[in-house]
């Protein structure tokens, strides 16, 4: 079972930040405004859609967003161990870096 906050989501062949994932779902009239975190909203919507969100292998990311954890992202560092923003994976909608957020 997923117990940590995702860094982003794969949805319809795109890597998205949590905010842009919610916006994509809103654009499809799947999401409403909730007074909760992005992750809580996505869990509510998954339940509504009949998706077993706790088991990402049970559904396709073209049907519903799949969580992507920080450890699954390509996050670059230079030779001195400092973050190299040119290598970080970014949101396909807003271009925000997804590494370490």
N, C-alpha and C. Protein backbone atom coordinates (compact mmCIF):
# COMPACT_ATOMS: atom_id res chain seq x y z
N UNK A 1 0.84 -1.19 0.00
CA UNK A 1 0.00 0.00 0.00
C UNK A 1 0.87 1.24 0.00
N UNK A 2 0.51 2.22 -0.80
CA UNK A 2 1.25 3.46 -0.90
C UNK A 2 1.07 4.27 0.38
N UNK A 3 2.19 4.60 1.04
CA UNK A 3 2.08 5.30 2.32
C UNK A 3 2.85 6.61 2.36
N UNK A 4 3.55 6.95 1.28
CA UNK A 4 4.26 8.23 1.25
C UNK A 4 3.72 9.07 0.10
N UNK A 5 3.89 10.38 0.22
CA UNK A 5 3.39 11.30 -0.79
C UNK A 5 4.16 11.14 -2.09
N UNK A 6 3.47 10.99 -3.20
CA UNK A 6 4.14 10.92 -4.50
C UNK A 6 4.77 12.27 -4.88
N UNK A 7 5.85 12.20 -5.65
CA UNK A 7 6.47 13.42 -6.18
C UNK A 7 5.71 13.92 -7.39
N UNK A 8 5.00 13.01 -8.05
CA UNK A 8 4.23 13.34 -9.24
C UNK A 8 3.38 12.16 -9.65
N UNK A 9 2.84 12.24 -10.85
CA UNK A 9 1.96 11.19 -11.35
C UNK A 9 2.19 11.00 -12.84
N UNK A 10 2.06 9.78 -13.32
CA UNK A 10 2.01 9.56 -14.76
C UNK A 10 0.54 9.48 -15.13
N UNK A 11 0.19 10.23 -16.16
CA UNK A 11 -1.20 10.27 -16.59
C UNK A 11 -1.25 10.57 -18.08
N UNK A 12 -1.83 9.66 -18.81
CA UNK A 12 -1.97 9.81 -20.26
C UNK A 12 -0.63 10.13 -20.92
N UNK A 13 0.37 9.30 -20.59
CA UNK A 13 1.71 9.37 -21.18
C UNK A 13 2.47 10.64 -20.83
N UNK A 14 2.11 11.28 -19.73
CA UNK A 14 2.80 12.48 -19.30
C UNK A 14 3.14 12.39 -17.82
N UNK A 15 4.29 12.94 -17.45
CA UNK A 15 4.68 13.03 -16.05
C UNK A 15 4.24 14.39 -15.55
N UNK A 16 3.38 14.41 -14.52
CA UNK A 16 2.79 15.65 -14.02
C UNK A 16 3.05 15.83 -12.54
N UNK A 17 3.16 17.09 -12.10
CA UNK A 17 3.23 17.40 -10.68
C UNK A 17 1.84 17.19 -10.07
N UNK A 18 1.73 17.11 -8.75
CA UNK A 18 0.41 16.92 -8.14
C UNK A 18 -0.62 17.98 -8.54
N UNK A 19 -0.24 19.25 -8.57
CA UNK A 19 -1.20 20.30 -8.93
C UNK A 19 -1.71 20.15 -10.36
N UNK A 20 -0.81 19.86 -11.29
CA UNK A 20 -1.23 19.72 -12.69
C UNK A 20 -2.04 18.45 -12.90
N UNK A 21 -1.81 17.43 -12.08
CA UNK A 21 -2.62 16.22 -12.16
C UNK A 21 -4.06 16.55 -11.79
N UNK A 22 -4.24 17.29 -10.70
CA UNK A 22 -5.58 17.71 -10.29
C UNK A 22 -6.22 18.56 -11.38
N UNK A 23 -5.46 19.47 -11.97
CA UNK A 23 -5.99 20.32 -13.03
C UNK A 23 -6.42 19.49 -14.24
N UNK A 24 -5.64 18.46 -14.58
CA UNK A 24 -6.01 17.58 -15.69
C UNK A 24 -7.32 16.86 -15.39
N UNK A 25 -7.47 16.40 -14.16
CA UNK A 25 -8.71 15.72 -13.77
C UNK A 25 -9.88 16.70 -13.76
N UNK A 26 -9.64 17.93 -13.33
CA UNK A 26 -10.70 18.95 -13.35
C UNK A 26 -11.14 19.21 -14.78
N UNK A 27 -10.17 19.25 -15.69
CA UNK A 27 -10.47 19.51 -17.09
C UNK A 27 -11.35 18.43 -17.71
N UNK A 28 -11.32 17.26 -17.11
CA UNK A 28 -12.15 16.15 -17.58
C UNK A 28 -13.44 16.04 -16.78
N UNK A 29 -13.70 17.03 -15.97
CA UNK A 29 -14.89 17.05 -15.10
C UNK A 29 -14.91 15.88 -14.12
N UNK A 30 -13.75 15.38 -13.78
CA UNK A 30 -13.67 14.30 -12.79
C UNK A 30 -13.46 14.85 -11.39
N UNK A 31 -12.86 16.02 -11.31
CA UNK A 31 -12.48 16.56 -10.00
C UNK A 31 -13.33 17.76 -9.64
N UNK A 32 -13.54 17.88 -8.37
CA UNK A 32 -14.17 19.06 -7.80
C UNK A 32 -13.16 19.66 -6.84
N UNK A 33 -13.45 20.81 -6.34
CA UNK A 33 -12.54 21.41 -5.37
C UNK A 33 -12.74 20.75 -4.01
N UNK A 34 -11.66 20.34 -3.42
CA UNK A 34 -11.69 19.72 -2.09
C UNK A 34 -10.79 20.52 -1.17
N UNK A 35 -11.13 20.53 0.10
CA UNK A 35 -10.29 21.19 1.09
C UNK A 35 -9.35 20.17 1.70
N UNK A 36 -8.52 19.59 0.85
CA UNK A 36 -7.55 18.59 1.31
C UNK A 36 -6.33 18.63 0.41
N UNK A 37 -5.36 17.80 0.71
CA UNK A 37 -4.14 17.77 -0.09
C UNK A 37 -4.43 17.17 -1.46
N UNK A 38 -3.52 17.38 -2.39
CA UNK A 38 -3.66 16.82 -3.72
C UNK A 38 -3.77 15.30 -3.65
N UNK A 39 -2.96 14.69 -2.81
CA UNK A 39 -2.97 13.23 -2.69
C UNK A 39 -4.32 12.74 -2.16
N UNK A 40 -4.87 13.43 -1.18
CA UNK A 40 -6.17 13.03 -0.64
C UNK A 40 -7.26 13.17 -1.70
N UNK A 41 -7.19 14.23 -2.48
CA UNK A 41 -8.17 14.42 -3.56
C UNK A 41 -8.07 13.30 -4.58
N UNK A 42 -6.86 12.94 -4.96
CA UNK A 42 -6.67 11.88 -5.94
C UNK A 42 -7.17 10.54 -5.39
N UNK A 43 -6.96 10.29 -4.12
CA UNK A 43 -7.49 9.06 -3.51
C UNK A 43 -9.02 9.02 -3.54
N UNK A 44 -9.65 10.15 -3.25
CA UNK A 44 -11.11 10.24 -3.29
C UNK A 44 -11.61 9.97 -4.71
N UNK A 45 -10.96 10.59 -5.69
CA UNK A 45 -11.37 10.41 -7.08
C UNK A 45 -11.14 8.98 -7.57
N UNK A 46 -10.06 8.37 -7.11
CA UNK A 46 -9.80 6.97 -7.47
C UNK A 46 -10.91 6.08 -6.94
N UNK A 47 -11.27 6.31 -5.70
CA UNK A 47 -12.34 5.52 -5.09
C UNK A 47 -13.63 5.69 -5.88
N UNK A 48 -13.95 6.94 -6.23
CA UNK A 48 -15.15 7.24 -7.01
C UNK A 48 -15.15 6.55 -8.38
N UNK A 49 -13.95 6.45 -8.98
CA UNK A 49 -13.82 5.85 -10.31
C UNK A 49 -13.70 4.33 -10.25
N UNK A 50 -13.68 3.76 -9.04
CA UNK A 50 -13.56 2.32 -8.90
C UNK A 50 -12.16 1.82 -9.13
N UNK A 51 -11.16 2.69 -8.94
CA UNK A 51 -9.75 2.34 -9.14
C UNK A 51 -9.14 1.93 -7.80
N UNK A 52 -8.42 0.80 -7.80
CA UNK A 52 -7.69 0.37 -6.60
C UNK A 52 -6.36 1.12 -6.56
N UNK A 53 -6.41 2.35 -6.05
CA UNK A 53 -5.24 3.23 -6.05
C UNK A 53 -4.07 2.65 -5.26
N UNK A 54 -4.36 1.82 -4.26
CA UNK A 54 -3.29 1.23 -3.46
C UNK A 54 -2.49 0.18 -4.24
N UNK A 55 -3.01 -0.22 -5.40
CA UNK A 55 -2.32 -1.20 -6.25
C UNK A 55 -2.21 -0.64 -7.67
N UNK A 56 -1.18 0.19 -7.91
CA UNK A 56 -1.04 0.85 -9.22
C UNK A 56 -0.95 -0.12 -10.40
N UNK A 57 -0.55 -1.33 -10.19
CA UNK A 57 -0.47 -2.29 -11.29
C UNK A 57 -1.84 -2.77 -11.74
N UNK A 58 -2.87 -2.46 -10.97
CA UNK A 58 -4.21 -2.94 -11.28
C UNK A 58 -4.96 -2.05 -12.29
N UNK A 59 -4.35 -0.92 -12.69
CA UNK A 59 -5.00 -0.04 -13.64
C UNK A 59 -3.97 0.61 -14.54
N UNK A 60 -4.41 1.18 -15.63
CA UNK A 60 -3.54 1.80 -16.61
C UNK A 60 -3.49 3.31 -16.39
N UNK A 61 -2.31 3.90 -16.59
CA UNK A 61 -2.16 5.35 -16.37
C UNK A 61 -2.88 6.18 -17.43
N UNK A 62 -3.38 5.56 -18.47
CA UNK A 62 -4.19 6.31 -19.42
C UNK A 62 -5.63 6.45 -18.91
N UNK A 63 -5.98 5.63 -17.91
CA UNK A 63 -7.32 5.70 -17.32
C UNK A 63 -7.37 6.55 -16.06
N UNK A 64 -6.31 6.47 -15.26
CA UNK A 64 -6.27 7.22 -14.01
C UNK A 64 -4.80 7.43 -13.63
N UNK A 65 -4.45 8.58 -13.00
CA UNK A 65 -3.06 8.87 -12.66
C UNK A 65 -2.44 7.82 -11.73
N UNK A 66 -1.19 7.44 -12.06
CA UNK A 66 -0.43 6.53 -11.21
C UNK A 66 0.63 7.34 -10.46
N UNK A 67 0.81 7.07 -9.17
CA UNK A 67 1.80 7.81 -8.39
C UNK A 67 3.23 7.48 -8.82
N UNK A 68 4.07 8.49 -8.77
CA UNK A 68 5.51 8.35 -9.03
C UNK A 68 6.23 8.86 -7.79
N UNK A 69 7.05 8.02 -7.20
CA UNK A 69 7.79 8.40 -6.00
C UNK A 69 9.10 9.09 -6.37
N UNK A 70 9.62 9.87 -5.46
CA UNK A 70 10.88 10.59 -5.65
C UNK A 70 11.99 9.63 -6.08
N UNK A 71 12.05 8.46 -5.48
CA UNK A 71 13.13 7.50 -5.80
C UNK A 71 13.02 6.95 -7.22
N UNK A 72 11.86 7.11 -7.86
CA UNK A 72 11.66 6.64 -9.23
C UNK A 72 12.02 7.68 -10.28
N UNK A 73 12.34 8.90 -9.85
CA UNK A 73 12.64 9.99 -10.77
C UNK A 73 14.14 10.07 -11.03
N UNK A 74 14.48 10.59 -12.20
CA UNK A 74 15.88 10.85 -12.51
C UNK A 74 16.21 12.23 -11.98
N UNK A 75 16.96 12.27 -10.90
CA UNK A 75 17.33 13.53 -10.26
C UNK A 75 18.83 13.64 -10.25
N UNK A 76 19.36 14.60 -10.98
CA UNK A 76 20.80 14.71 -11.17
C UNK A 76 21.51 15.54 -10.13
N UNK A 77 22.77 15.17 -9.93
CA UNK A 77 23.65 15.90 -9.04
C UNK A 77 24.99 16.05 -9.73
N UNK A 78 25.67 17.17 -9.47
CA UNK A 78 26.98 17.37 -10.08
C UNK A 78 28.04 16.58 -9.31
N UNK A 79 29.30 16.68 -9.73
CA UNK A 79 30.37 15.88 -9.12
C UNK A 79 30.59 16.22 -7.65
N UNK A 80 30.18 17.40 -7.22
CA UNK A 80 30.33 17.80 -5.82
C UNK A 80 29.13 17.41 -4.97
N UNK A 81 28.14 16.77 -5.58
CA UNK A 81 26.96 16.34 -4.84
C UNK A 81 25.86 17.39 -4.75
N UNK A 82 26.02 18.50 -5.47
CA UNK A 82 24.99 19.54 -5.49
C UNK A 82 23.95 19.22 -6.55
N UNK A 83 22.73 19.65 -6.29
CA UNK A 83 21.64 19.43 -7.25
C UNK A 83 21.96 20.06 -8.59
N UNK A 84 21.74 19.34 -9.66
CA UNK A 84 21.91 19.85 -11.02
C UNK A 84 20.53 19.93 -11.65
N UNK A 85 19.93 21.11 -11.63
CA UNK A 85 18.55 21.29 -12.11
C UNK A 85 18.37 20.96 -13.58
N UNK A 86 19.46 20.93 -14.35
CA UNK A 86 19.33 20.62 -15.77
C UNK A 86 19.01 19.15 -16.00
N UNK A 87 19.22 18.31 -14.99
CA UNK A 87 19.00 16.88 -15.14
C UNK A 87 17.69 16.42 -14.50
N UNK A 88 17.10 17.22 -13.66
CA UNK A 88 15.88 16.82 -12.95
C UNK A 88 14.69 16.63 -13.89
N UNK A 89 13.89 15.64 -13.57
CA UNK A 89 12.65 15.45 -14.31
C UNK A 89 11.67 16.54 -13.91
N UNK A 90 10.89 16.97 -14.89
CA UNK A 90 9.99 18.10 -14.69
C UNK A 90 8.57 17.74 -15.10
N UNK A 91 7.63 18.51 -14.58
CA UNK A 91 6.23 18.35 -14.92
C UNK A 91 6.03 18.69 -16.40
N UNK A 92 5.30 17.83 -17.10
CA UNK A 92 5.05 18.05 -18.50
C UNK A 92 4.11 19.19 -18.80
N UNK A 93 3.42 19.72 -17.79
CA UNK A 93 2.49 20.82 -17.99
C UNK A 93 3.07 22.16 -17.56
N UNK A 94 3.63 22.24 -16.35
CA UNK A 94 4.11 23.54 -15.83
C UNK A 94 5.64 23.66 -15.79
N UNK A 95 6.34 22.57 -16.08
CA UNK A 95 7.81 22.53 -16.12
C UNK A 95 8.47 22.62 -14.75
N UNK A 96 7.70 22.50 -13.68
CA UNK A 96 8.26 22.52 -12.32
C UNK A 96 9.08 21.24 -12.11
N UNK A 97 10.22 21.37 -11.42
CA UNK A 97 11.03 20.20 -11.12
C UNK A 97 10.27 19.31 -10.13
N UNK A 98 10.35 18.02 -10.32
CA UNK A 98 9.66 17.08 -9.45
C UNK A 98 10.60 16.45 -8.43
N UNK A 99 11.87 16.68 -8.57
CA UNK A 99 12.86 16.07 -7.69
C UNK A 99 12.99 16.84 -6.38
N UNK A 100 12.83 16.13 -5.31
CA UNK A 100 13.03 16.73 -3.99
C UNK A 100 11.96 17.73 -3.59
N UNK A 101 10.78 17.62 -4.17
CA UNK A 101 9.71 18.55 -3.80
C UNK A 101 8.76 17.90 -2.81
